[in-house]
């Protein structure tokens, strides 16, 4: 219990090793009831291991896992109140859609009339009405994702755990599945944890994001906060290629080889980060346009000076061309300071 808020899930210093290798290192996390949390990070950072540990498939070496305030040490998978949907879905090819969705309820001994009513409602909610009798081998990959989701929600879990649920889908299907998961969450309120390496998934869906690397959580907080105020360059760089200007702050002024500005930080060596969308180019200056790429809805413009290269995103570049000399400008309130270690 934290104040008057019941934590649906709480991890305290969870460490997990597999085959003698430490995969998770003292991971702590709090998830409130009804939240959608995204574990975001590159392959091999420990996201899926963390999901399996929450589910009880893997056992932690040390640390504690609490679900609704209950210590889950020694609690088997089937009694944790969690349901995990794996990346490979693990559907039964010899069963039809209805039988796959029904399977977990049948194992739990739910009466037939209730099973039929609940399964049909779930199938309807994921947009598979009319496909109840189809074999899994007779439906598309996107439809299989929907079957796996329906099979999970009929069990009414305390925690719905989704392991890379959209990774095998093309972009249009990804958009549809994101909306489906969000709609189901709105209807059911099931606390959901999603593993993904896609920053778009995390930003669109999550109440909170945990950015992971090397088995640790680098930053955890509201999606907007993590994106707009990254705690480190590693977190910032996960959301795209950023521009960094290295320099020093002396008496509230940041000095680098390209500009100087007032700085609301203590003296020291810093890398100042400016997102490509927040860096603008002007007609006059001593930077040179090295490359222009058309991205469909905008242009990516690369400029250089004294061996340093920077990227800018603009909706149009009618007034700019390759090898043109340009300047830069930006809103100082949009920049982020990362203090460097002093030598």
C-alpha atoms as a PDB file:
ATOM      1  CA  UNK A   1       0.000   0.000   0.000  1.00  0.00           C
ATOM      2  CA  UNK A   2       1.366   3.415  -0.965  1.00  0.00           C
ATOM      3  CA  UNK A   3      -0.783   6.109   0.599  1.00  0.00           C
ATOM      4  CA  UNK A   4      -4.302   5.212  -0.503  1.00  0.00           C
ATOM      5  CA  UNK A   5      -3.123   3.739  -3.815  1.00  0.00           C
ATOM      6  CA  UNK A   6      -2.976  -0.055  -4.033  1.00  0.00           C
ATOM      7  CA  UNK A   7      -0.071  -1.162  -6.169  1.00  0.00           C
ATOM      8  CA  UNK A   8      -1.215  -3.851  -8.567  1.00  0.00           C
ATOM      9  CA  UNK A   9       2.410  -4.878  -8.979  1.00  0.00           C
ATOM     10  CA  UNK A  10       5.536  -4.054  -7.027  1.00  0.00           C
ATOM     11  CA  UNK A  11       9.051  -5.305  -7.761  1.00  0.00           C
ATOM     12  CA  UNK A  12      11.754  -4.763  -5.176  1.00  0.00           C
ATOM     13  CA  UNK A  13      15.395  -5.251  -6.229  1.00  0.00           C
ATOM     14  CA  UNK A  14      14.677  -8.238  -8.476  1.00  0.00           C
ATOM     15  CA  UNK A  15      17.776  -9.992  -9.822  1.00  0.00           C
ATOM     16  CA  UNK A  16      17.569 -12.899 -12.282  1.00  0.00           C
ATOM     17  CA  UNK A  17      20.332 -15.083 -13.684  1.00  0.00           C
ATOM     18  CA  UNK A  18      20.091 -17.598 -16.519  1.00  0.00           C
ATOM     19  CA  UNK A  19      22.901 -20.063 -17.249  1.00  0.00           C
ATOM     20  CA  UNK A  20      25.240 -18.200 -14.931  1.00  0.00           C
ATOM     21  CA  UNK A  21      24.616 -14.850 -16.658  1.00  0.00           C
ATOM     22  CA  UNK A  22      22.913 -12.048 -14.769  1.00  0.00           C
ATOM     23  CA  UNK A  23      20.019 -10.859 -16.956  1.00  0.00           C
ATOM     24  CA  UNK A  24      18.193  -8.536 -14.515  1.00  0.00           C
ATOM     25  CA  UNK A  25      20.031  -6.449 -11.928  1.00  0.00           C
ATOM     26  CA  UNK A  26      18.133  -5.128  -8.905  1.00  0.00           C
ATOM     27  CA  UNK A  27      15.046  -4.094 -10.867  1.00  0.00           C
ATOM     28  CA  UNK A  28      12.422  -2.151  -8.918  1.00  0.00           C
ATOM     29  CA  UNK A  29       9.068  -1.119 -10.361  1.00  0.00           C
ATOM     30  CA  UNK A  30       5.640  -0.034  -9.117  1.00  0.00           C
ATOM     31  CA  UNK A  31       2.500  -0.397 -11.252  1.00  0.00           C
ATOM     32  CA  UNK A  32      -0.847   1.023 -10.199  1.00  0.00           C
ATOM     33  CA  UNK A  33      -4.135  -0.722 -10.907  1.00  0.00           C
ATOM     34  CA  UNK A  34      -5.449  -0.040 -14.405  1.00  0.00           C
ATOM     35  CA  UNK A  35      -2.208   1.299 -15.872  1.00  0.00           C
ATOM     36  CA  UNK A  36      -0.581   0.356 -19.165  1.00  0.00           C
ATOM     37  CA  UNK A  37       3.176   0.048 -18.722  1.00  0.00           C
ATOM     38  CA  UNK A  38       5.649  -0.405 -21.584  1.00  0.00           C
ATOM     39  CA  UNK A  39       9.026  -2.039 -21.004  1.00  0.00           C
ATOM     40  CA  UNK A  40      11.055  -0.400 -23.777  1.00  0.00           C
ATOM     41  CA  UNK A  41      14.513  -1.398 -24.919  1.00  0.00           C
ATOM     42  CA  UNK A  42      16.665  -3.173 -27.457  1.00  0.00           C
ATOM     43  CA  UNK A  43      16.740  -6.957 -27.862  1.00  0.00           C
ATOM     44  CA  UNK A  44      18.650  -8.618 -25.041  1.00  0.00           C
ATOM     45  CA  UNK A  45      18.098  -5.862 -22.457  1.00  0.00           C
ATOM     46  CA  UNK A  46      16.008  -8.122 -20.182  1.00  0.00           C
ATOM     47  CA  UNK A  47      12.449  -7.037 -21.048  1.00  0.00           C
ATOM     48  CA  UNK A  48      11.046 -10.499 -21.783  1.00  0.00           C
ATOM     49  CA  UNK A  49      12.939 -12.004 -18.859  1.00  0.00           C
ATOM     50  CA  UNK A  50      11.276  -9.464 -16.579  1.00  0.00           C
ATOM     51  CA  UNK A  51       7.848 -10.329 -17.984  1.00  0.00           C
ATOM     52  CA  UNK A  52       8.421 -14.075 -17.456  1.00  0.00           C
ATOM     53  CA  UNK A  53       9.644 -13.435 -13.916  1.00  0.00           C
ATOM     54  CA  UNK A  54       6.496 -11.458 -13.081  1.00  0.00           C
ATOM     55  CA  UNK A  55       4.436 -14.358 -14.477  1.00  0.00           C
ATOM     56  CA  UNK A  56       6.384 -16.888 -12.383  1.00  0.00           C
ATOM     57  CA  UNK A  57       7.819 -18.744 -15.386  1.00  0.00           C
ATOM     58  CA  UNK A  58      11.296 -17.731 -14.205  1.00  0.00           C
ATOM     59  CA  UNK A  59      12.341 -17.515 -10.565  1.00  0.00           C
ATOM     60  CA  UNK A  60      14.294 -14.539  -9.314  1.00  0.00           C
ATOM     61  CA  UNK A  61      17.639 -15.071  -7.550  1.00  0.00           C
ATOM     62  CA  UNK A  62      16.826 -12.301  -5.104  1.00  0.00           C
ATOM     63  CA  UNK A  63      14.297  -9.563  -4.562  1.00  0.00           C
ATOM     64  CA  UNK A  64      10.535  -9.596  -4.110  1.00  0.00           C
ATOM     65  CA  UNK A  65       7.473  -9.549  -6.371  1.00  0.00           C
ATOM     66  CA  UNK A  66       4.174  -8.392  -4.906  1.00  0.00           C
ATOM     67  CA  UNK A  67       0.851  -8.618  -6.753  1.00  0.00           C
ATOM     68  CA  UNK A  68      -1.952  -6.706  -5.036  1.00  0.00           C
ATOM     69  CA  UNK A  69       0.263  -6.547  -1.948  1.00  0.00           C
ATOM     70  CA  UNK A  70       0.810 -10.309  -1.770  1.00  0.00           C
ATOM     71  CA  UNK A  71       4.335 -11.713  -1.806  1.00  0.00           C
ATOM     72  CA  UNK A  72       4.479 -14.124  -4.755  1.00  0.00           C
ATOM     73  CA  UNK A  73       7.494 -16.131  -3.646  1.00  0.00           C
ATOM     74  CA  UNK A  74       6.626 -19.771  -4.288  1.00  0.00           C
ATOM     75  CA  UNK A  75       3.278 -18.948  -5.898  1.00  0.00           C
ATOM     76  CA  UNK A  76       2.929 -21.043  -9.094  1.00  0.00           C
ATOM     77  CA  UNK A  77       2.179 -19.532 -12.493  1.00  0.00           C
ATOM     78  CA  UNK A  78      -1.468 -20.590 -12.555  1.00  0.00           C
ATOM     79  CA  UNK A  79      -2.233 -18.955  -9.193  1.00  0.00           C
ATOM     80  CA  UNK A  80      -0.606 -15.546  -9.724  1.00  0.00           C
ATOM     81  CA  UNK A  81      -3.516 -14.000 -11.571  1.00  0.00           C
ATOM     82  CA  UNK A  82      -1.313 -13.181 -14.542  1.00  0.00           C
ATOM     83  CA  UNK A  83      -1.757 -14.141 -18.195  1.00  0.00           C
ATOM     84  CA  UNK A  84       1.123 -13.816 -20.648  1.00  0.00           C
ATOM     85  CA  UNK A  85       0.731 -13.597 -24.434  1.00  0.00           C
ATOM     86  CA  UNK A  86       3.995 -14.668 -26.042  1.00  0.00           C
ATOM     87  CA  UNK A  87       5.445 -13.294 -29.253  1.00  0.00           C
ATOM     88  CA  UNK A  88       4.858 -16.642 -30.979  1.00  0.00           C
ATOM     89  CA  UNK A  89       1.243 -16.692 -29.604  1.00  0.00           C
ATOM     90  CA  UNK A  90       1.301 -20.464 -28.817  1.00  0.00           C
ATOM     91  CA  UNK A  91      -2.150 -21.146 -30.233  1.00  0.00           C
ATOM     92  CA  UNK A  92      -3.341 -24.703 -30.820  1.00  0.00           C
ATOM     93  CA  UNK A  93      -3.361 -25.400 -34.582  1.00  0.00           C
ATOM     94  CA  UNK A  94      -5.711 -28.401 -34.255  1.00  0.00           C
ATOM     95  CA  UNK A  95      -8.385 -26.231 -32.573  1.00  0.00           C
ATOM     96  CA  UNK A  96     -10.640 -23.644 -34.123  1.00  0.00           C
ATOM     97  CA  UNK A  97     -10.878 -20.017 -33.019  1.00  0.00           C
ATOM     98  CA  UNK A  98     -13.639 -20.614 -30.459  1.00  0.00           C
ATOM     99  CA  UNK A  99     -11.862 -23.626 -28.929  1.00  0.00           C
ATOM    100  CA  UNK A 100      -8.594 -21.718 -28.591  1.00  0.00           C
ATOM    101  CA  UNK A 101     -10.261 -18.833 -26.792  1.00  0.00           C
ATOM    102  CA  UNK A 102     -12.218 -21.224 -24.588  1.00  0.00           C
ATOM    103  CA  UNK A 103      -9.264 -23.442 -23.635  1.00  0.00           C
ATOM    104  CA  UNK A 104      -8.126 -21.678 -20.447  1.00  0.00           C
ATOM    105  CA  UNK A 105     -11.657 -21.399 -19.094  1.00  0.00           C
ATOM    106  CA  UNK A 106     -12.256 -25.076 -19.785  1.00  0.00           C
ATOM    107  CA  UNK A 107      -9.104 -26.037 -17.875  1.00  0.00           C
ATOM    108  CA  UNK A 108     -10.305 -23.950 -14.940  1.00  0.00           C
ATOM    109  CA  UNK A 109     -13.633 -25.778 -14.888  1.00  0.00           C
ATOM    110  CA  UNK A 110     -15.823 -22.806 -15.764  1.00  0.00           C
ATOM    111  CA  UNK A 111     -19.404 -23.997 -16.478  1.00  0.00           C
ATOM    112  CA  UNK A 112     -20.208 -24.468 -20.169  1.00  0.00           C
ATOM    113  CA  UNK A 113     -22.954 -21.839 -20.391  1.00  0.00           C
ATOM    114  CA  UNK A 114     -20.661 -19.208 -18.890  1.00  0.00           C
ATOM    115  CA  UNK A 115     -17.829 -20.259 -21.183  1.00  0.00           C
ATOM    116  CA  UNK A 116     -19.948 -19.906 -24.296  1.00  0.00           C
ATOM    117  CA  UNK A 117     -21.241 -16.491 -23.275  1.00  0.00           C
ATOM    118  CA  UNK A 118     -17.821 -15.127 -22.236  1.00  0.00           C
ATOM    119  CA  UNK A 119     -15.915 -16.534 -25.204  1.00  0.00           C
ATOM    120  CA  UNK A 120     -18.413 -15.217 -27.730  1.00  0.00           C
ATOM    121  CA  UNK A 121     -18.297 -11.762 -26.157  1.00  0.00           C
ATOM    122  CA  UNK A 122     -14.484 -11.788 -26.315  1.00  0.00           C
ATOM    123  CA  UNK A 123     -14.472 -12.924 -29.935  1.00  0.00           C
ATOM    124  CA  UNK A 124     -16.875 -10.127 -30.785  1.00  0.00           C
ATOM    125  CA  UNK A 125     -14.735  -7.579 -28.915  1.00  0.00           C
ATOM    126  CA  UNK A 126     -11.628  -8.430 -30.960  1.00  0.00           C
ATOM    127  CA  UNK A 127     -13.494  -8.282 -34.258  1.00  0.00           C
ATOM    128  CA  UNK A 128     -13.537 -11.984 -35.126  1.00  0.00           C
ATOM    129  CA  UNK A 129     -17.302 -12.578 -35.271  1.00  0.00           C
ATOM    130  CA  UNK A 130     -18.104 -15.200 -37.892  1.00  0.00           C
ATOM    131  CA  UNK A 131     -14.687 -16.869 -37.656  1.00  0.00           C
ATOM    132  CA  UNK A 132     -15.431 -18.999 -34.609  1.00  0.00           C
ATOM    133  CA  UNK A 133     -15.196 -22.294 -36.524  1.00  0.00           C
ATOM    134  CA  UNK A 134     -12.068 -21.426 -38.508  1.00  0.00           C
ATOM    135  CA  UNK A 135      -8.904 -23.380 -37.776  1.00  0.00           C
ATOM    136  CA  UNK A 136      -5.914 -21.339 -36.655  1.00  0.00           C
ATOM    137  CA  UNK A 137      -4.137 -22.357 -39.870  1.00  0.00           C
ATOM    138  CA  UNK A 138      -6.978 -20.807 -41.892  1.00  0.00           C
ATOM    139  CA  UNK A 139      -6.722 -17.252 -40.538  1.00  0.00           C
ATOM    140  CA  UNK A 140      -4.190 -14.451 -41.020  1.00  0.00           C
ATOM    141  CA  UNK A 141      -1.366 -13.427 -38.701  1.00  0.00           C
ATOM    142  CA  UNK A 142      -3.283 -10.386 -37.523  1.00  0.00           C
ATOM    143  CA  UNK A 143      -6.340 -12.510 -36.775  1.00  0.00           C
ATOM    144  CA  UNK A 144      -4.183 -14.929 -34.787  1.00  0.00           C
ATOM    145  CA  UNK A 145      -2.983 -12.009 -32.674  1.00  0.00           C
ATOM    146  CA  UNK A 146      -6.636 -11.220 -31.943  1.00  0.00           C
ATOM    147  CA  UNK A 147      -7.344 -14.838 -30.966  1.00  0.00           C
ATOM    148  CA  UNK A 148      -4.419 -14.802 -28.525  1.00  0.00           C
ATOM    149  CA  UNK A 149      -5.662 -11.548 -27.024  1.00  0.00           C
ATOM    150  CA  UNK A 150      -9.210 -12.874 -26.666  1.00  0.00           C
ATOM    151  CA  UNK A 151      -7.903 -16.066 -25.044  1.00  0.00           C
ATOM    152  CA  UNK A 152      -6.085 -13.934 -22.478  1.00  0.00           C
ATOM    153  CA  UNK A 153      -8.878 -11.509 -21.574  1.00  0.00           C
ATOM    154  CA  UNK A 154     -11.536 -14.191 -20.981  1.00  0.00           C
ATOM    155  CA  UNK A 155      -9.472 -15.296 -17.970  1.00  0.00           C
ATOM    156  CA  UNK A 156      -9.902 -11.825 -16.407  1.00  0.00           C
ATOM    157  CA  UNK A 157      -6.308 -11.609 -15.153  1.00  0.00           C
ATOM    158  CA  UNK A 158      -5.004  -9.170 -12.577  1.00  0.00           C
ATOM    159  CA  UNK A 159      -2.100  -8.540 -14.928  1.00  0.00           C
ATOM    160  CA  UNK A 160      -2.106  -8.913 -18.726  1.00  0.00           C
ATOM    161  CA  UNK A 161       1.461  -9.409 -19.954  1.00  0.00           C
ATOM    162  CA  UNK A 162       2.121  -8.887 -23.683  1.00  0.00           C
ATOM    163  CA  UNK A 163       5.530  -9.908 -25.062  1.00  0.00           C
ATOM    164  CA  UNK A 164       6.295  -7.982 -28.301  1.00  0.00           C
ATOM    165  CA  UNK A 165       2.645  -8.289 -29.401  1.00  0.00           C
ATOM    166  CA  UNK A 166       3.006  -6.332 -32.662  1.00  0.00           C
ATOM    167  CA  UNK A 167       6.525  -7.240 -33.816  1.00  0.00           C
ATOM    168  CA  UNK A 168       5.429  -9.618 -36.597  1.00  0.00           C
ATOM    169  CA  UNK A 169       2.823  -7.257 -38.065  1.00  0.00           C
ATOM    170  CA  UNK A 170       3.202  -4.722 -40.857  1.00  0.00           C
ATOM    171  CA  UNK A 171       2.645  -1.049 -40.013  1.00  0.00           C
ATOM    172  CA  UNK A 172      -1.043  -0.868 -40.927  1.00  0.00           C
ATOM    173  CA  UNK A 173      -1.863  -3.962 -38.853  1.00  0.00           C
ATOM    174  CA  UNK A 174       0.242  -2.602 -35.986  1.00  0.00           C
ATOM    175  CA  UNK A 175      -1.885   0.545 -35.900  1.00  0.00           C
ATOM    176  CA  UNK A 176      -5.081  -1.526 -35.830  1.00  0.00           C
ATOM    177  CA  UNK A 177      -3.787  -3.806 -33.060  1.00  0.00           C
ATOM    178  CA  UNK A 178      -2.643  -0.879 -30.920  1.00  0.00           C
ATOM    179  CA  UNK A 179      -6.123   0.596 -31.145  1.00  0.00           C
ATOM    180  CA  UNK A 180      -7.678  -2.773 -30.353  1.00  0.00           C
ATOM    181  CA  UNK A 181      -5.552  -3.238 -27.225  1.00  0.00           C
ATOM    182  CA  UNK A 182      -6.342   0.313 -26.105  1.00  0.00           C
ATOM    183  CA  UNK A 183     -10.078  -0.217 -26.666  1.00  0.00           C
ATOM    184  CA  UNK A 184     -10.060  -3.492 -24.743  1.00  0.00           C
ATOM    185  CA  UNK A 185      -8.142  -1.819 -21.929  1.00  0.00           C
ATOM    186  CA  UNK A 186     -10.729   0.969 -21.852  1.00  0.00           C
ATOM    187  CA  UNK A 187     -13.514  -1.629 -21.591  1.00  0.00           C
ATOM    188  CA  UNK A 188     -11.884  -3.955 -19.057  1.00  0.00           C
ATOM    189  CA  UNK A 189      -9.428  -1.791 -17.097  1.00  0.00           C
ATOM    190  CA  UNK A 190      -7.006  -4.724 -16.899  1.00  0.00           C
ATOM    191  CA  UNK A 191      -3.549  -3.642 -15.723  1.00  0.00           C
ATOM    192  CA  UNK A 192      -1.303  -4.313 -18.723  1.00  0.00           C
ATOM    193  CA  UNK A 193       2.456  -4.604 -19.178  1.00  0.00           C
ATOM    194  CA  UNK A 194       3.757  -4.566 -22.741  1.00  0.00           C
ATOM    195  CA  UNK A 195       7.260  -5.515 -23.862  1.00  0.00           C
ATOM    196  CA  UNK A 196       8.349  -3.634 -26.977  1.00  0.00           C
ATOM    197  CA  UNK A 197      11.410  -2.269 -28.739  1.00  0.00           C
ATOM    198  CA  UNK A 198       9.237   0.175 -30.712  1.00  0.00           C
ATOM    199  CA  UNK A 199       9.178   3.695 -29.253  1.00  0.00           C
ATOM    200  CA  UNK A 200       5.965   4.411 -31.173  1.00  0.00           C
ATOM    201  CA  UNK A 201       4.176   1.571 -29.340  1.00  0.00           C
ATOM    202  CA  UNK A 202       5.367   2.954 -26.014  1.00  0.00           C
ATOM    203  CA  UNK A 203       4.512   6.602 -26.643  1.00  0.00           C
ATOM    204  CA  UNK A 204       1.059   5.868 -28.080  1.00  0.00           C
ATOM    205  CA  UNK A 205      -0.037   3.269 -25.552  1.00  0.00           C
ATOM    206  CA  UNK A 206       1.727   3.650 -22.223  1.00  0.00           C
ATOM    207  CA  UNK A 207       0.744   5.558 -19.123  1.00  0.00           C
ATOM    208  CA  UNK A 208       4.322   4.947 -18.017  1.00  0.00           C
ATOM    209  CA  UNK A 209       7.479   3.769 -19.775  1.00  0.00           C
ATOM    210  CA  UNK A 210      10.404   1.846 -18.292  1.00  0.00           C
ATOM    211  CA  UNK A 211      13.444   2.248 -20.551  1.00  0.00           C
ATOM    212  CA  UNK A 212      15.719  -0.761 -20.067  1.00  0.00           C
ATOM    213  CA  UNK A 213      19.325  -1.497 -20.953  1.00  0.00           C
ATOM    214  CA  UNK A 214      21.720  -4.209 -19.811  1.00  0.00           C
ATOM    215  CA  UNK A 215      19.199  -5.651 -17.365  1.00  0.00           C
ATOM    216  CA  UNK A 216      18.509  -2.360 -15.597  1.00  0.00           C
ATOM    217  CA  UNK A 217      15.811   0.300 -15.755  1.00  0.00           C
ATOM    218  CA  UNK A 218      17.453   3.533 -16.876  1.00  0.00           C
ATOM    219  CA  UNK A 219      14.313   5.631 -16.356  1.00  0.00           C
ATOM    220  CA  UNK A 220      10.713   4.961 -15.354  1.00  0.00           C
ATOM    221  CA  UNK A 221       7.875   7.432 -15.385  1.00  0.00           C
ATOM    222  CA  UNK A 222       4.977   8.933 -17.351  1.00  0.00           C
ATOM    223  CA  UNK A 223       5.492   8.568 -21.119  1.00  0.00           C
ATOM    224  CA  UNK A 224       5.530  12.336 -21.705  1.00  0.00           C
ATOM    225  CA  UNK A 225       8.030  12.873 -18.895  1.00  0.00           C
ATOM    226  CA  UNK A 226      10.425  10.175 -20.136  1.00  0.00           C
ATOM    227  CA  UNK A 227      10.322  11.556 -23.683  1.00  0.00           C
ATOM    228  CA  UNK A 228      10.556  15.258 -22.859  1.00  0.00           C
ATOM    229  CA  UNK A 229      12.956  14.985 -19.907  1.00  0.00           C
ATOM    230  CA  UNK A 230      15.241  11.996 -20.493  1.00  0.00           C
ATOM    231  CA  UNK A 231      17.444  11.192 -17.522  1.00  0.00           C
ATOM    232  CA  UNK A 232      20.473  10.384 -19.683  1.00  0.00           C
ATOM    233  CA  UNK A 233      21.775  10.417 -23.250  1.00  0.00           C
ATOM    234  CA  UNK A 234      21.073   6.679 -23.446  1.00  0.00           C
ATOM    235  CA  UNK A 235      17.387   7.296 -22.760  1.00  0.00           C
ATOM    236  CA  UNK A 236      17.219  10.273 -25.129  1.00  0.00           C
ATOM    237  CA  UNK A 237      18.885   8.383 -27.967  1.00  0.00           C
ATOM    238  CA  UNK A 238      16.337   5.581 -27.766  1.00  0.00           C
ATOM    239  CA  UNK A 239      13.743   8.019 -29.078  1.00  0.00           C
ATOM    240  CA  UNK A 240      15.759   9.017 -32.149  1.00  0.00           C
ATOM    241  CA  UNK A 241      19.008  10.560 -33.354  1.00  0.00           C
ATOM    242  CA  UNK A 242      19.592  13.706 -31.322  1.00  0.00           C
ATOM    243  CA  UNK A 243      21.927  16.659 -31.819  1.00  0.00           C
ATOM    244  CA  UNK A 244      24.585  17.234 -29.163  1.00  0.00           C
ATOM    245  CA  UNK A 245      26.751  20.302 -28.702  1.00  0.00           C
ATOM    246  CA  UNK A 246      29.581  19.764 -26.242  1.00  0.00           C
ATOM    247  CA  UNK A 247      30.828  22.698 -24.238  1.00  0.00           C
ATOM    248  CA  UNK A 248      31.170  24.280 -20.809  1.00  0.00           C
ATOM    249  CA  UNK A 249      28.983  26.296 -18.491  1.00  0.00           C
ATOM    250  CA  UNK A 250      30.730  29.158 -16.741  1.00  0.00           C
ATOM    251  CA  UNK A 251      28.763  31.602 -14.603  1.00  0.00           C
ATOM    252  CA  UNK A 252      25.376  30.613 -16.068  1.00  0.00           C
ATOM    253  CA  UNK A 253      26.546  30.769 -19.684  1.00  0.00           C
ATOM    254  CA  UNK A 254      27.047  27.735 -21.939  1.00  0.00           C
ATOM    255  CA  UNK A 255      29.932  28.079 -24.382  1.00  0.00           C
ATOM    256  CA  UNK A 256      30.610  25.763 -27.325  1.00  0.00           C
ATOM    257  CA  UNK A 257      32.349  26.219 -30.683  1.00  0.00           C
ATOM    258  CA  UNK A 258      29.030  26.987 -32.425  1.00  0.00           C
ATOM    259  CA  UNK A 259      27.192  29.352 -30.041  1.00  0.00           C
ATOM    260  CA  UNK A 260      26.819  30.606 -26.490  1.00  0.00           C
ATOM    261  CA  UNK A 261      23.583  30.899 -24.490  1.00  0.00           C
ATOM    262  CA  UNK A 262      22.405  31.552 -20.953  1.00  0.00           C
ATOM    263  CA  UNK A 263      22.328  28.280 -18.992  1.00  0.00           C
ATOM    264  CA  UNK A 264      20.216  27.507 -15.888  1.00  0.00           C
ATOM    265  CA  UNK A 265      22.698  24.920 -14.567  1.00  0.00           C
ATOM    266  CA  UNK A 266      25.819  24.833 -12.424  1.00  0.00           C
ATOM    267  CA  UNK A 267      29.292  25.247 -13.863  1.00  0.00           C
ATOM    268  CA  UNK A 268      30.812  22.233 -15.597  1.00  0.00           C
ATOM    269  CA  UNK A 269      31.209  20.355 -18.864  1.00  0.00           C
ATOM    270  CA  UNK A 270      27.957  19.514 -20.648  1.00  0.00           C
ATOM    271  CA  UNK A 271      26.473  18.014 -23.768  1.00  0.00           C
ATOM    272  CA  UNK A 272      23.528  20.148 -24.805  1.00  0.00           C
ATOM    273  CA  UNK A 273      20.834  18.134 -26.600  1.00  0.00           C
ATOM    274  CA  UNK A 274      18.552  19.654 -29.231  1.00  0.00           C
ATOM    275  CA  UNK A 275      16.036  17.454 -31.046  1.00  0.00           C
ATOM    276  CA  UNK A 276      16.107  17.623 -34.870  1.00  0.00           C
ATOM    277  CA  UNK A 277      12.574  19.054 -34.882  1.00  0.00           C
ATOM    278  CA  UNK A 278      13.645  21.856 -32.511  1.00  0.00           C
ATOM    279  CA  UNK A 279      16.738  22.932 -34.461  1.00  0.00           C
ATOM    280  CA  UNK A 280      16.014  25.441 -37.211  1.00  0.00           C
ATOM    281  CA  UNK A 281      18.169  26.700 -40.081  1.00  0.00           C
ATOM    282  CA  UNK A 282      18.453  30.255 -41.294  1.00  0.00           C
ATOM    283  CA  UNK A 283      19.584  31.684 -44.612  1.00  0.00           C
ATOM    284  CA  UNK A 284      22.907  33.035 -43.401  1.00  0.00           C
ATOM    285  CA  UNK A 285      25.685  31.385 -41.420  1.00  0.00           C
ATOM    286  CA  UNK A 286      28.818  29.249 -41.581  1.00  0.00           C
ATOM    287  CA  UNK A 287      27.226  25.778 -41.526  1.00  0.00           C
ATOM    288  CA  UNK A 288      26.979  23.885 -44.833  1.00  0.00           C
ATOM    289  CA  UNK A 289      24.098  21.693 -46.006  1.00  0.00           C
ATOM    290  CA  UNK A 290      25.624  18.276 -46.608  1.00  0.00           C
ATOM    291  CA  UNK A 291      22.532  16.169 -47.323  1.00  0.00           C
ATOM    292  CA  UNK A 292      18.778  16.487 -47.882  1.00  0.00           C
ATOM    293  CA  UNK A 293      16.429  13.495 -47.646  1.00  0.00           C
ATOM    294  CA  UNK A 294      12.725  13.492 -48.472  1.00  0.00           C
ATOM    295  CA  UNK A 295      10.773  11.488 -45.858  1.00  0.00           C
ATOM    296  CA  UNK A 296       7.258  11.914 -47.247  1.00  0.00           C
ATOM    297  CA  UNK A 297       5.720  14.353 -44.779  1.00  0.00           C
ATOM    298  CA  UNK A 298       8.963  16.215 -44.071  1.00  0.00           C
ATOM    299  CA  UNK A 299      12.632  16.596 -44.977  1.00  0.00           C
ATOM    300  CA  UNK A 300      15.722  15.542 -43.070  1.00  0.00           C
ATOM    301  CA  UNK A 301      18.519  18.054 -43.575  1.00  0.00           C
ATOM    302  CA  UNK A 302      22.072  17.371 -42.439  1.00  0.00           C
ATOM    303  CA  UNK A 303      24.392  20.306 -41.852  1.00  0.00           C
ATOM    304  CA  UNK A 304      28.062  20.360 -40.916  1.00  0.00           C
ATOM    305  CA  UNK A 305      30.712  22.691 -39.570  1.00  0.00           C
ATOM    306  CA  UNK A 306      34.296  22.003 -38.463  1.00  0.00           C
ATOM    307  CA  UNK A 307      33.711  18.261 -38.733  1.00  0.00           C
ATOM    308  CA  UNK A 308      30.536  18.327 -36.608  1.00  0.00           C
ATOM    309  CA  UNK A 309      27.274  17.137 -38.208  1.00  0.00           C
ATOM    310  CA  UNK A 310      23.723  17.936 -37.079  1.00  0.00           C
ATOM    311  CA  UNK A 311      20.272  16.885 -38.242  1.00  0.00           C
ATOM    312  CA  UNK A 312      17.214  19.074 -38.771  1.00  0.00           C
ATOM    313  CA  UNK A 313      13.626  18.101 -39.615  1.00  0.00           C
ATOM    314  CA  UNK A 314      11.558  20.548 -41.674  1.00  0.00           C
ATOM    315  CA  UNK A 315       8.179  20.349 -43.362  1.00  0.00           C
ATOM    316  CA  UNK A 316       9.673  21.846 -46.527  1.00  0.00           C
ATOM    317  CA  UNK A 317      13.073  22.908 -47.768  1.00  0.00           C
ATOM    318  CA  UNK A 318      12.152  25.004 -50.828  1.00  0.00           C
ATOM    319  CA  UNK A 319      14.617  27.702 -49.829  1.00  0.00           C
ATOM    320  CA  UNK A 320      17.565  25.395 -49.190  1.00  0.00           C
ATOM    321  CA  UNK A 321      19.873  23.297 -51.364  1.00  0.00           C
ATOM    322  CA  UNK A 322      22.999  21.140 -51.109  1.00  0.00           C
ATOM    323  CA  UNK A 323      26.266  22.920 -50.240  1.00  0.00           C
ATOM    324  CA  UNK A 324      24.410  26.082 -49.234  1.00  0.00           C
ATOM    325  CA  UNK A 325      25.822  28.070 -46.309  1.00  0.00           C
ATOM    326  CA  UNK A 326      23.252  28.392 -43.500  1.00  0.00           C
ATOM    327  CA  UNK A 327      22.930  29.309 -39.853  1.00  0.00           C
ATOM    328  CA  UNK A 328      21.040  27.762 -36.942  1.00  0.00           C
ATOM    329  CA  UNK A 329      18.596  28.963 -34.318  1.00  0.00           C
ATOM    330  CA  UNK A 330      16.562  27.321 -31.556  1.00  0.00           C
ATOM    331  CA  UNK A 331      14.404  27.987 -28.530  1.00  0.00           C
ATOM    332  CA  UNK A 332      16.687  27.714 -25.445  1.00  0.00           C
ATOM    333  CA  UNK A 333      13.772  26.304 -23.436  1.00  0.00           C
ATOM    334  CA  UNK A 334      13.743  23.243 -25.726  1.00  0.00           C
ATOM    335  CA  UNK A 335      17.283  22.137 -24.953  1.00  0.00           C
ATOM    336  CA  UNK A 336      18.383  19.582 -22.345  1.00  0.00           C
ATOM    337  CA  UNK A 337      21.686  19.619 -20.456  1.00  0.00           C
ATOM    338  CA  UNK A 338      23.562  16.404 -19.732  1.00  0.00           C
ATOM    339  CA  UNK A 339      26.512  16.931 -17.427  1.00  0.00           C
ATOM    340  CA  UNK A 340      29.677  15.146 -18.518  1.00  0.00           C
ATOM    341  CA  UNK A 341      32.099  13.480 -16.116  1.00  0.00           C
ATOM    342  CA  UNK A 342      35.061  15.718 -15.493  1.00  0.00           C
ATOM    343  CA  UNK A 343      38.472  14.246 -16.408  1.00  0.00           C
END
